[in-house]
Structure formats: C-alpha cells, structure tokens
Amino acid sequence: MDGKKLANKFRFVTVGFILLAGGCAVGPNYHKPDLPVPAAWMEAQQNGGDMRSADLTRWWSAFNDPLLNSLVNRAVRTNLDLRLAEARIRAARASRAVTASAAWPTVDVSGSYARDRASENAVGVPAQGAVVVPSAGGANLDQNFYRSGFDASWEIDVFGRVRRNIEAADATVEATVEDRRDVLVTLIGEVANNYIDLRGFQRRLAVARANLKTQQDTLELTQVRFQAGLASDLDVAQQEAQVNTTASQIPTLESSLKQAAYALDVLLGLQPRALWGELAKETEIPVLPPEVLVGLPSDLLRRRPDVRRAERQLAAATAQVGAATADLFPKFSLTGVGGLQSVSASDWLTRGSRFWSIGPTISWPVFDVGRIRANIEIRNAQQEQALTQYEKSILSAFQDVETALVNYANEQVRFRSLTDAVAANRRAVTMANELYVRGLNDFLNVLDTQRSLYVTENDLTQSQATMASNLVALYKALGGGWESP
C-alpha cells in the first residue's frame, strides 16, 4: 500500500512539473531579418552580364583543365585548414549535446560500506547515522554501516532557460558548418588562383626567354656590323644592356613560379616540391568559358557561406538573450533519493532497509537582480553586434561581386587592346630590323621596338592570367563550390 501511494505521489508530482515545463520560453523569438536586396547587379547590366541562375557546384571545371580538377579534388580531401574546420564542427556538436543534457534528469548511483569504532568515552554517539545498540556487557563500540541507493534531480524548464540554450547551441553548430563551407570556398579559390599564377609565370618565362633569344641574335648581328665598321661601339653597348636587362627578369619569374608551386603543395597538405613533377611541364593558362552566369543578388544570400554563418550567429545571440532573461525567474526542480541502508549485511537487502525521499524545490535569486540584468544587457549588446555583423557581411558580399564583375569585364577590354599592341609591335620590330640592316634606320629604333615588344607581350600574358584569376574571384564572391562533396 505504501508503495502504491508513493508511486501515485510520484506520478502526480511529475505530471505537474511536466505541465509547468510546457510554459512559454521567455526572451525574444528569432525571426530572420528582412534586409533590402538589389534587384540586379549593376556591373552585370552595364557590361552585358548574364544574370540567369548559375550552377556553381563545380565552377572550376568550366576551365576544362584536367590537372586543375584533380588538384581541387585532392585539396578537398587533404587540406589541413579544412580538417581543422571539420574538427570544430565535431566540437560544436559535442558541446550541443552537453547543453541538451540539462533538459534531462540526472541520476547518481552510489554504494558504501563502513566499519567504525566509537570512543569508549563517547558511548552513545552514532557513527555515520548508525544507531548504537548496547550489548549485553555494555555499549557495542564496533559498528558496520551498509548503504546503497541513488540521488536524482531534474530541473523543470518552466521559463525556457534550457530550451534557449539548446536553441543557441543548435544555431552555433549550424554556424560552424557554414564556417567549414566558407573555408572550402576559400580553399578552392586559392588552389585555382595559385594554379593560374603558376601557368602565368610559365608563359611569362617563355616570353622572356623568346625575347632574350631575339635580342641575343640582334647583339650578334650588331657585333658583326661593328667589326665590319657598319655600326658603332655605342650600338653594341646598348644592345648588351638590353640583353642583360631582359635576362635579369628570368630569375625573378622562376622564383615566383616556384612559390606558386609550393603554395599548391601546402594547400594539398603536402611537402614543398611534392607536385613539381606534375606542374613543371608548361601548358597554356586555363581558357575562359564562353559564358559566365552570375544569377541574382537574392541568390547570393542563400549561397554565400559567410553570410549564412553570420545569420546563424545572429540566431544564437538572440537565443542567448532569452537564456539570460530566464535567470530573472525562479527555477523549479524535482529531487529524489532512495536506497537501502542497514547496520547488518544479513538484512541489508530486505524490505525494512529501504529509505526514500522525493519532492520539488524552488530557488530564486531575489537579491542578485543587478548581476542578472547586467548579463541580459551584455547579451542584448552581443545580439546587436551580431545583427550589425550580418548586415555588414551582406554589404561586403555585394561589394565583392560588383568588384569582381567590373574587374573581369575591364580586364577583357585591356586584353583585347594588348593583343592589338603585340601584333603592331611585332610588325615594328621586323621593319626596324630590316631598315637597320639596310642602313636606313637608327639602331635606337631597333632597341625601342624590341623593348616595347617584350613589355607588351609580358603584359598580354599577365592580362590573360589576370582574366582567369578575376573569374575565379567572381566565382568565389558568388560563394560557389561548397555544395560539391
């Protein structure tokens, strides 16, 4: 009968507290801010950009370069920054599990045995709660005490403190996932940029060596003419200076080439020079795709991981305001203790050794309101910071895209002008050499045309690489690539 009464009381108290726990959580409920978004990209409209929705899942494959595709795939598997981001996700999920555990009861099971001897001068004083029973010859100074049982407690989340903390932890996990995606977007962009730089330096080296060969041939011709009395020593000295000036550019370009290759090694989590066998063979700079789809500004907010991360951080900060506000209200808990205790092992496990206690508790920091309200003010300020950071991330994303669009469009114009300039300079070099050999032109014109040709050819190669890098910057600004496995 006592057991049934205990069970009924326990059920009654538990149901009552569960009903209390269904109360509304205090603090603001999060709603995603509705911020203004432009209808179209300004630079795309001015430069004839295509604003159809773009599939940027594997944007690097648009360059149609098998080695670039391979490098990106390997980097996604082995990059160390990405590995760090994935470890942060696991830590955030474990932290969320710790936070969520507060919503459930805690139970501690314990067992103990003690044997005590009381002082002869303090007979009658019980040891650890045991009742001292006098023996036939006087007080029994030696006592055994057996105890086993459990302690249970459960905080009833009446005002939503635990629920708000779980809500904040969920948003933090999602923000950490977006952080990993942002690292992935940056990683793919860095791999593509370094690969393009490497191919660009290879082409610039080829241009420098070709011009150096032409200038050395001219130097030999000038020396022959000088020996025949048809050219001055000044012509020879000027051409030697030209040859050595061009030759001085080659070591710098070779250093830049190696730096780009070593950067790719590290991005793939490899020792420097590990990829040199694959990269050393000269190939063309990746060719631009025939069209580039950029989508609408509204697509950007759904795609860019850094914007999505800032929005999730705002959600977490909003939930933390509610968790701090809940500290203004009382906390309700249900506690219980039960078990067996006896001074004799023979009857320790019998019905008569049972003990229990169950009941609700309430705590309310009435005289700690100043600290709690200051903490709420801190959380409100942090929420305001998160909102401002979210707005800033959106503006920065729009700026990145508009800047990438104008850079990409203007570099194409520059490339076309340089292409015409190179063609004109090649004709000028041919004509200047012919006129000089025939004695109808000054040698200074030969030097000027050779110098101009080298500069424009070098600039043209740089422009070709810059166009590809600007396209990478555009894809990166659009937030593409993280959807790929």
Protein backbone atom coordinates (compact mmCIF):
# COMPACT_ATOMS: atom_id res chain seq x y z
CA MET A 1 0.00 0.00 0.00
CA ASP A 2 2.82 2.36 0.87
CA GLY A 3 4.46 1.57 -2.46
CA LYS A 4 1.27 2.39 -4.37
CA LYS A 5 0.87 5.69 -2.53
CA LEU A 6 4.49 6.55 -3.30
CA ALA A 7 4.03 5.74 -6.99
CA ASN A 8 0.84 7.81 -7.16
CA LYS A 9 2.50 10.77 -5.49
CA PHE A 10 5.48 10.50 -7.82
CA ARG A 11 3.26 10.41 -10.90
CA PHE A 12 1.23 13.37 -9.64
CA VAL A 13 4.30 15.50 -8.97
CA THR A 14 5.95 14.50 -12.26
CA VAL A 15 2.87 15.31 -14.35
CA GLY A 16 2.52 18.64 -12.62
CA PHE A 17 6.08 19.63 -13.34
CA ILE A 18 5.83 18.48 -16.95
CA LEU A 19 2.82 20.76 -17.38
CA LEU A 20 4.85 23.59 -15.90
CA ALA A 21 7.68 22.82 -18.30
CA GLY A 22 5.34 23.40 -21.23
CA GLY A 23 5.25 27.10 -20.45
CA CYS A 24 6.43 29.68 -22.94
CA ALA A 25 10.15 30.40 -23.10
CA VAL A 26 10.94 34.00 -22.11
CA GLY A 27 13.01 36.30 -24.29
CA PRO A 28 12.72 37.26 -27.97
CA ASN A 29 11.79 34.66 -30.56
CA TYR A 30 14.17 34.75 -33.51
CA HIS A 31 13.00 35.90 -36.93
CA LYS A 32 15.41 36.21 -39.84
CA PRO A 33 15.86 39.92 -40.65
CA ASP A 34 14.33 41.10 -43.90
CA LEU A 35 17.07 43.30 -45.35
CA PRO A 36 16.95 45.21 -48.66
CA VAL A 37 18.46 43.41 -51.66
CA PRO A 38 19.08 44.99 -55.08
CA ALA A 39 17.10 43.55 -57.98
CA ALA A 40 20.13 43.07 -60.25
CA TRP A 41 23.87 43.52 -60.41
CA MET A 42 24.78 46.99 -61.61
CA GLU A 43 28.03 45.96 -63.32
CA ALA A 44 26.40 42.94 -64.94
CA GLN A 45 23.77 45.21 -66.51
CA GLN A 46 26.36 47.70 -67.77
CA ASN A 47 28.69 45.07 -69.19
CA GLY A 48 26.12 42.68 -70.63
CA GLY A 49 26.47 40.03 -67.93
CA ASP A 50 24.14 37.06 -67.90
CA MET A 51 22.04 37.06 -64.72
CA ARG A 52 20.40 33.70 -65.25
CA SER A 53 20.61 31.36 -62.28
CA ALA A 54 24.02 29.77 -62.14
CA ASP A 55 25.04 26.27 -61.11
CA LEU A 56 28.33 26.91 -59.32
CA THR A 57 28.68 23.48 -57.73
CA ARG A 58 31.85 22.69 -59.71
CA TRP A 59 32.67 26.05 -61.26
CA TRP A 60 36.39 25.23 -61.69
CA SER A 61 35.51 22.56 -64.26
CA ALA A 62 34.46 25.40 -66.61
CA PHE A 63 38.17 26.00 -67.30
CA ASN A 64 38.31 22.50 -68.83
CA ASP A 65 41.71 21.76 -67.26
CA PRO A 66 42.02 18.13 -66.03
CA LEU A 67 45.00 18.86 -63.77
CA LEU A 68 43.17 21.76 -62.10
CA ASN A 69 40.19 19.47 -61.49
CA SER A 70 42.48 16.87 -59.97
CA LEU A 71 44.21 19.40 -57.70
CA VAL A 72 40.89 20.70 -56.38
CA ASN A 73 39.59 17.20 -55.66
CA ARG A 74 42.77 16.28 -53.80
CA ALA A 75 42.80 19.53 -51.84
CA VAL A 76 39.26 18.91 -50.62
CA ARG A 77 40.37 15.55 -49.24
CA THR A 78 43.70 16.54 -47.67
CA ASN A 79 43.76 20.27 -46.85
CA LEU A 80 44.66 20.96 -43.22
CA ASP A 81 42.52 24.10 -42.80
CA LEU A 82 39.52 22.07 -43.91
CA ARG A 83 40.44 19.36 -41.44
CA LEU A 84 40.55 21.97 -38.65
CA ALA A 85 37.12 23.27 -39.66
CA GLU A 86 35.70 19.74 -39.54
CA ALA A 87 37.15 19.24 -36.05
CA ARG A 88 35.45 22.47 -34.95
CA ILE A 89 32.14 21.07 -36.20
CA ARG A 90 32.59 17.93 -34.12
CA ALA A 91 33.44 20.02 -31.08
CA ALA A 92 30.34 22.21 -31.59
CA ARG A 93 28.10 19.16 -31.89
CA ALA A 94 29.55 17.66 -28.72
CA SER A 95 29.05 20.97 -26.94
CA ARG A 96 25.45 20.99 -28.11
CA ALA A 97 24.99 17.51 -26.60
CA VAL A 98 26.36 18.78 -23.29
CA THR A 99 23.91 21.69 -23.36
CA ALA A 100 20.96 19.45 -24.26
CA SER A 101 21.73 17.11 -21.37
CA ALA A 102 20.45 19.79 -18.98
CA ALA A 103 16.92 19.06 -20.20
CA TRP A 104 17.01 15.54 -18.74
CA PRO A 105 17.11 14.22 -15.18
CA THR A 106 20.45 13.33 -13.64
CA VAL A 107 20.82 10.17 -11.55
CA ASP A 108 23.84 9.32 -9.40
CA VAL A 109 24.09 5.76 -8.08
CA SER A 110 26.29 5.09 -5.06
CA GLY A 111 27.15 2.32 -2.63
CA SER A 112 29.27 2.30 0.51
CA TYR A 113 30.35 0.22 3.46
CA ALA A 114 31.97 1.47 6.65
CA ARG A 115 33.10 -0.12 9.89
CA ASP A 116 33.65 2.24 12.76
CA ARG A 117 34.71 2.01 16.34
CA ALA A 118 33.39 4.60 18.75
CA SER A 119 35.34 6.06 21.65
CA GLU A 120 34.72 4.40 24.99
CA ASN A 121 34.35 7.89 26.45
CA ALA A 122 31.67 8.81 23.93
CA VAL A 123 29.43 5.80 24.07
CA GLY A 124 26.02 6.51 22.61
CA VAL A 125 27.26 8.72 19.77
CA PRO A 126 26.18 7.06 16.49
CA ALA A 127 28.73 6.59 13.73
CA GLN A 128 27.59 7.89 10.32
CA GLY A 129 23.96 7.69 11.18
CA ALA A 130 24.07 4.16 12.64
CA VAL A 131 22.17 3.50 15.82
CA VAL A 132 24.50 2.37 18.61
CA VAL A 133 22.90 -0.62 20.31
CA PRO A 134 24.31 -1.55 23.74
CA SER A 135 25.50 -5.11 24.04
CA ALA A 136 24.85 -7.39 26.97
CA GLY A 137 28.10 -6.34 28.60
CA GLY A 138 27.70 -2.61 27.79
CA ALA A 139 27.89 -0.44 24.70
CA ASN A 140 28.86 -2.01 21.39
CA LEU A 141 31.77 0.14 20.22
CA ASP A 142 32.21 -1.56 16.81
CA GLN A 143 29.61 -0.81 14.13
CA ASN A 144 29.03 -1.76 10.48
CA PHE A 145 27.11 0.51 8.13
CA TYR A 146 25.89 -0.60 4.68
CA ARG A 147 24.35 1.87 2.22
CA SER A 148 23.37 1.82 -1.46
CA GLY A 149 20.98 3.94 -3.47
CA PHE A 150 20.61 6.80 -5.91
CA ASP A 151 20.22 10.57 -5.95
CA ALA A 152 18.12 12.07 -8.78
CA SER A 153 17.37 15.64 -9.78
CA TRP A 154 15.56 17.29 -12.66
CA GLU A 155 15.35 21.00 -13.38
CA ILE A 156 11.92 21.73 -14.83
CA ASP A 157 12.47 24.21 -17.64
CA VAL A 158 9.42 26.36 -16.88
CA PHE A 159 10.76 29.63 -18.31
CA GLY A 160 12.80 28.14 -21.15
CA ARG A 161 16.36 28.74 -19.98
CA VAL A 162 17.48 25.27 -21.09
CA ARG A 163 15.46 25.42 -24.29
CA ARG A 164 17.02 28.77 -25.22
CA ASN A 165 20.50 27.40 -24.54
CA ILE A 166 19.76 24.42 -26.78
CA GLU A 167 18.42 26.77 -29.44
CA ALA A 168 21.65 28.79 -29.24
CA ALA A 169 23.75 25.62 -29.40
CA ASP A 170 21.86 24.42 -32.49
CA ALA A 171 22.48 27.74 -34.23
CA THR A 172 26.16 27.61 -33.23
CA VAL A 173 26.52 24.15 -34.76
CA GLU A 174 24.94 25.42 -37.98
CA ALA A 175 27.26 28.46 -37.97
CA THR A 176 30.24 26.14 -37.58
CA VAL A 177 29.05 24.09 -40.55
CA GLU A 178 28.83 27.29 -42.61
CA ASP A 179 32.33 28.21 -41.45
CA ARG A 180 33.61 24.93 -42.86
CA ARG A 181 31.85 25.68 -46.12
CA ASP A 182 33.44 29.12 -46.21
CA VAL A 183 36.85 27.52 -45.70
CA LEU A 184 36.04 25.20 -48.61
CA VAL A 185 35.11 28.11 -50.89
CA THR A 186 38.34 29.89 -49.99
CA LEU A 187 40.39 26.73 -50.44
CA ILE A 188 39.10 26.01 -53.94
CA GLY A 189 39.65 29.64 -54.92
CA GLU A 190 43.22 29.55 -53.60
CA VAL A 191 44.01 26.32 -55.46
CA ALA A 192 42.67 27.78 -58.71
CA ASN A 193 44.46 31.12 -58.23
CA ASN A 194 47.83 29.55 -57.48
CA TYR A 195 47.46 27.18 -60.41
CA ILE A 196 46.65 30.09 -62.74
CA ASP A 197 49.57 32.08 -61.33
CA LEU A 198 51.88 29.14 -61.95
CA ARG A 199 50.76 28.80 -65.57
CA GLY A 200 51.04 32.56 -65.98
CA PHE A 201 54.61 32.62 -64.72
CA GLN A 202 55.48 29.74 -67.03
CA ARG A 203 54.13 31.69 -70.01
CA ARG A 204 55.92 34.88 -68.93
CA LEU A 205 59.15 32.90 -68.64
CA ALA A 206 58.61 31.59 -72.17
CA VAL A 207 58.03 35.15 -73.41
CA ALA A 208 61.14 36.42 -71.62
CA ARG A 209 63.31 33.63 -73.00
CA ALA A 210 61.97 34.10 -76.53
CA ASN A 211 62.66 37.84 -76.39
CA LEU A 212 66.08 37.19 -74.87
CA LYS A 213 66.90 34.88 -77.79
CA THR A 214 65.81 37.55 -80.29
CA GLN A 215 67.84 40.22 -78.51
CA GLN A 216 70.93 37.97 -78.39
CA ASP A 217 70.61 37.40 -82.13
CA THR A 218 70.45 41.16 -82.64
CA LEU A 219 73.50 41.58 -80.41
CA GLU A 220 75.48 39.11 -82.54
CA LEU A 221 74.40 40.94 -85.69
CA THR A 222 75.41 44.26 -84.19
CA GLN A 223 78.83 42.93 -83.20
CA VAL A 224 79.38 41.64 -86.74
CA ARG A 225 78.38 45.02 -88.15
CA PHE A 226 80.66 46.75 -85.66
CA GLN A 227 83.61 44.60 -86.73
CA ALA A 228 82.79 45.47 -90.36
CA GLY A 229 82.68 49.16 -89.49
CA LEU A 230 78.94 49.45 -90.15
CA ALA A 231 77.89 50.02 -86.51
CA SER A 232 79.28 51.93 -83.58
CA ASP A 233 80.51 50.64 -80.24
CA LEU A 234 77.55 52.51 -78.72
CA ASP A 235 75.13 50.27 -80.62
CA VAL A 236 76.85 47.19 -79.23
CA ALA A 237 76.84 48.54 -75.65
CA GLN A 238 73.16 49.48 -75.86
CA GLN A 239 72.19 46.04 -77.14
CA GLU A 240 74.26 44.34 -74.45
CA ALA A 241 72.41 46.38 -71.83
CA GLN A 242 69.10 45.35 -73.38
CA VAL A 243 70.08 41.66 -73.33
CA ASN A 244 71.19 41.76 -69.71
CA THR A 245 68.10 43.68 -68.62
CA THR A 246 65.83 41.03 -70.11
CA ALA A 247 67.98 38.22 -68.66
CA SER A 248 67.64 39.80 -65.18
CA GLN A 249 63.85 39.24 -65.28
CA ILE A 250 64.16 35.47 -65.62
CA PRO A 251 65.38 34.60 -62.07
CA THR A 252 62.56 36.66 -60.54
CA LEU A 253 59.97 34.88 -62.65
CA GLU A 254 61.46 31.49 -61.77
CA SER A 255 61.24 32.33 -58.05
CA SER A 256 57.58 33.35 -58.42
CA LEU A 257 56.90 30.15 -60.34
CA LYS A 258 58.35 28.01 -57.55
CA GLN A 259 56.44 29.96 -54.90
CA ALA A 260 53.14 29.25 -56.65
CA ALA A 261 54.03 25.55 -56.93
CA TYR A 262 54.98 25.33 -53.24
CA ALA A 263 51.77 27.11 -52.25
CA LEU A 264 49.82 24.40 -54.09
CA ASP A 265 51.79 21.75 -52.20
CA VAL A 266 50.79 23.21 -48.85
CA LEU A 267 47.15 23.66 -49.90
CA LEU A 268 47.08 19.93 -50.62
CA GLY A 269 48.74 19.13 -47.29
CA LEU A 270 52.00 18.02 -48.94
CA GLN A 271 55.67 18.77 -48.51
CA PRO A 272 57.00 21.54 -50.81
CA ARG A 273 58.01 20.27 -54.26
CA ALA A 274 55.81 17.17 -53.98
CA LEU A 275 53.75 18.28 -57.02
CA TRP A 276 56.62 19.60 -59.11
CA GLY A 277 56.69 16.55 -61.33
CA GLU A 278 53.08 17.27 -62.36
CA LEU A 279 53.39 21.04 -62.58
CA ALA A 280 56.78 21.50 -64.24
CA LYS A 281 55.57 20.78 -67.76
CA GLU A 282 54.48 24.03 -69.36
CA THR A 283 50.88 24.24 -70.57
CA GLU A 284 48.54 27.06 -71.51
CA ILE A 285 46.85 29.33 -69.00
CA PRO A 286 43.33 27.93 -68.33
CA VAL A 287 40.94 29.09 -71.02
CA LEU A 288 37.90 31.15 -70.04
CA PRO A 289 34.44 29.60 -70.51
CA PRO A 290 32.29 31.04 -73.31
CA GLU A 291 29.71 32.44 -70.84
CA VAL A 292 29.55 33.25 -67.16
CA LEU A 293 26.21 33.07 -65.33
CA VAL A 294 26.07 35.17 -62.16
CA GLY A 295 22.45 34.85 -61.03
CA LEU A 296 20.61 37.49 -58.98
CA PRO A 297 21.65 39.24 -55.75
CA SER A 298 18.91 37.37 -53.90
CA ASP A 299 20.61 34.09 -54.85
CA LEU A 300 23.79 35.30 -53.19
CA LEU A 301 22.27 35.48 -49.71
CA ARG A 302 21.18 31.85 -49.95
CA ARG A 303 24.56 30.69 -51.27
CA ARG A 304 27.41 32.59 -49.59
CA PRO A 305 28.57 30.61 -46.53
CA ASP A 306 29.91 33.66 -44.70
CA VAL A 307 26.51 35.38 -44.95
CA ARG A 308 24.74 32.21 -43.81
CA ARG A 309 27.21 31.88 -40.92
CA ALA A 310 26.57 35.47 -39.80
CA GLU A 311 22.81 34.82 -39.88
CA ARG A 312 23.19 31.70 -37.71
CA GLN A 313 25.40 33.61 -35.28
CA LEU A 314 22.63 36.20 -35.00
CA ALA A 315 20.14 33.43 -34.22
CA ALA A 316 22.44 32.07 -31.50
CA ALA A 317 22.88 35.53 -29.97
CA THR A 318 19.10 36.06 -29.93
CA ALA A 319 18.56 32.76 -28.12
CA GLN A 320 21.21 33.71 -25.55
CA VAL A 321 19.15 36.81 -24.69
CA GLY A 322 16.26 34.52 -23.76
CA ALA A 323 18.51 32.25 -21.71
CA ALA A 324 19.82 35.25 -19.76
CA THR A 325 16.29 36.61 -19.25
CA ALA A 326 15.14 33.29 -17.77
CA ASP A 327 17.55 33.85 -14.86
CA LEU A 328 15.16 36.57 -13.61
CA PHE A 329 12.59 33.91 -12.82
CA PRO A 330 12.54 31.10 -10.26
CA LYS A 331 13.99 27.68 -11.03
CA PHE A 332 11.92 24.60 -10.23
CA SER A 333 13.48 21.21 -9.65
CA LEU A 334 12.31 17.76 -8.73
CA THR A 335 14.69 15.80 -6.50
CA GLY A 336 14.57 12.29 -5.14
CA VAL A 337 16.68 9.98 -3.02
CA GLY A 338 16.18 6.29 -2.47
CA GLY A 339 18.07 3.18 -1.50
CA LEU A 340 18.92 0.66 1.19
CA GLN A 341 20.82 1.12 4.45
CA SER A 342 21.50 -1.15 7.38
CA VAL A 343 23.97 -1.88 10.15
CA SER A 344 23.95 -5.57 9.26
CA ALA A 345 24.77 -7.29 5.98
CA SER A 346 22.21 -10.01 6.70
CA ASP A 347 19.21 -7.66 6.46
CA TRP A 348 20.69 -5.02 4.15
CA LEU A 349 18.71 -6.17 1.14
CA THR A 350 15.42 -6.69 2.99
CA ARG A 351 12.31 -4.55 2.72
CA GLY A 352 12.94 -2.94 6.07
CA SER A 353 16.22 -1.37 4.90
CA ARG A 354 14.53 0.81 2.32
CA PHE A 355 14.52 4.61 2.54
CA TRP A 356 13.39 7.32 0.11
CA SER A 357 12.68 10.98 -0.24
CA ILE A 358 11.08 12.92 -3.11
CA GLY A 359 9.85 16.45 -3.56
CA PRO A 360 10.02 19.68 -5.51
CA THR A 361 12.40 22.54 -4.81
CA ILE A 362 12.43 26.17 -5.89
CA SER A 363 15.27 28.67 -6.00
CA TRP A 364 15.03 32.34 -6.87
CA PRO A 365 17.99 34.75 -6.76
CA VAL A 366 15.92 37.62 -5.40
CA PHE A 367 18.91 39.66 -4.24
CA ASP A 368 21.03 39.04 -7.35
CA VAL A 369 18.95 41.01 -9.81
CA GLY A 370 21.70 43.54 -10.59
CA ARG A 371 24.06 40.85 -11.90
CA ILE A 372 21.33 39.15 -13.92
CA ARG A 373 20.17 42.39 -15.55
CA ALA A 374 23.76 43.28 -16.40
CA ASN A 375 24.14 39.89 -18.04
CA ILE A 376 20.96 40.48 -20.03
CA GLU A 377 22.38 43.82 -21.17
CA ILE A 378 25.55 42.04 -22.29
CA ARG A 379 23.51 39.53 -24.31
CA ASN A 380 21.44 42.32 -25.87
CA ALA A 381 24.62 44.12 -26.91
CA GLN A 382 26.01 40.90 -28.36
CA GLN A 383 22.81 40.40 -30.33
CA GLU A 384 23.11 43.92 -31.68
CA GLN A 385 26.70 43.22 -32.69
CA ALA A 386 25.63 40.01 -34.44
CA LEU A 387 22.90 41.88 -36.34
CA THR A 388 25.36 44.55 -37.42
CA GLN A 389 27.85 41.88 -38.48
CA TYR A 390 25.14 40.16 -40.51
CA GLU A 391 24.27 43.40 -42.29
CA LYS A 392 27.96 44.07 -42.89
CA SER A 393 28.52 40.59 -44.33
CA ILE A 394 25.70 41.16 -46.83
CA LEU A 395 27.11 44.51 -47.95
CA SER A 396 30.60 43.01 -48.22
CA ALA A 397 29.22 40.15 -50.32
CA PHE A 398 27.52 42.59 -52.71
CA GLN A 399 30.72 44.63 -52.91
CA ASP A 400 32.81 41.53 -53.68
CA VAL A 401 30.55 40.55 -56.58
CA GLU A 402 30.31 44.05 -58.10
CA THR A 403 34.10 44.48 -57.82
CA ALA A 404 34.76 41.08 -59.38
CA LEU A 405 32.33 41.85 -62.22
CA VAL A 406 33.95 45.19 -63.10
CA ASN A 407 37.47 43.74 -62.84
CA TYR A 408 36.59 40.80 -65.07
CA ALA A 409 34.88 42.98 -67.70
CA ASN A 410 37.60 45.65 -67.80
CA GLU A 411 40.43 43.13 -67.98
CA GLN A 412 38.84 41.66 -71.09
CA VAL A 413 38.90 45.11 -72.68
CA ARG A 414 42.56 45.51 -71.67
CA PHE A 415 43.41 42.08 -73.06
CA ARG A 416 41.96 42.96 -76.47
CA SER A 417 43.96 46.20 -76.58
CA LEU A 418 47.17 44.40 -75.60
CA THR A 419 46.56 41.79 -78.29
CA ASP A 420 46.47 44.54 -80.92
CA ALA A 421 49.52 46.21 -79.37
CA VAL A 422 51.56 42.99 -79.54
CA ALA A 423 50.67 42.49 -83.20
CA ALA A 424 51.69 46.06 -84.00
CA ASN A 425 54.96 45.79 -82.06
CA ARG A 426 55.90 42.58 -83.86
CA ARG A 427 55.49 44.34 -87.20
CA ALA A 428 57.51 47.29 -85.87
CA VAL A 429 60.39 45.02 -84.77
CA THR A 430 60.52 43.33 -88.17
CA MET A 431 60.53 46.62 -90.04
CA ALA A 432 63.08 48.25 -87.69
CA ASN A 433 65.50 45.35 -88.09
CA GLU A 434 65.16 45.36 -91.88
CA LEU A 435 65.74 49.11 -92.13
CA TYR A 436 68.70 48.92 -89.75
CA VAL A 437 70.37 46.17 -91.75
CA ARG A 438 69.93 48.26 -94.89
CA GLY A 439 71.35 51.27 -93.12
CA LEU A 440 68.12 53.24 -93.39
CA ASN A 441 67.26 53.31 -89.68
CA ASP A 442 68.96 54.29 -86.45
CA PHE A 443 69.79 51.48 -84.01
CA LEU A 444 67.86 53.29 -81.28
CA ASN A 445 64.64 52.45 -83.12
CA VAL A 446 65.58 48.77 -83.03
CA LEU A 447 66.11 48.96 -79.26
CA ASP A 448 62.83 50.80 -78.69
CA THR A 449 60.78 48.36 -80.75
CA GLN A 450 62.34 45.31 -79.07
CA ARG A 451 61.76 46.81 -75.63
CA SER A 452 58.15 47.66 -76.45
CA LEU A 453 57.52 44.19 -77.85
CA TYR A 454 58.80 42.50 -74.70
CA VAL A 455 56.76 44.79 -72.44
CA THR A 456 53.52 44.29 -74.35
CA GLU A 457 53.98 40.51 -74.71
CA ASN A 458 54.67 40.25 -70.99
CA ASP A 459 51.65 42.43 -70.22
CA LEU A 460 49.47 40.36 -72.55
CA THR A 461 50.44 37.15 -70.77
CA GLN A 462 49.81 38.78 -67.41
CA SER A 463 46.43 40.01 -68.61
CA GLN A 464 45.43 36.54 -69.74
CA ALA A 465 46.26 35.15 -66.30
CA THR A 466 44.56 38.10 -64.60
CA MET A 467 41.35 37.47 -66.55
CA ALA A 468 41.30 33.87 -65.31
CA SER A 469 42.09 35.00 -61.74
CA ASN A 470 39.34 37.62 -61.90
CA LEU A 471 36.89 34.95 -62.98
CA VAL A 472 37.99 32.83 -60.01
CA ALA A 473 37.42 35.87 -57.78
CA LEU A 474 33.93 36.24 -59.26
CA TYR A 475 33.05 32.60 -58.62
CA LYS A 476 34.44 32.90 -55.11
CA ALA A 477 32.45 36.11 -54.49
CA LEU A 478 29.31 34.30 -55.64
CA GLY A 479 30.01 31.64 -52.98
CA GLY A 480 30.21 28.69 -55.33
CA GLY A 481 31.86 25.35 -54.72
CA TRP A 482 30.88 24.32 -51.19
CA GLU A 483 27.95 22.22 -52.42
CA SER A 484 30.37 19.76 -54.03
CA PRO A 485 31.06 16.66 -51.92
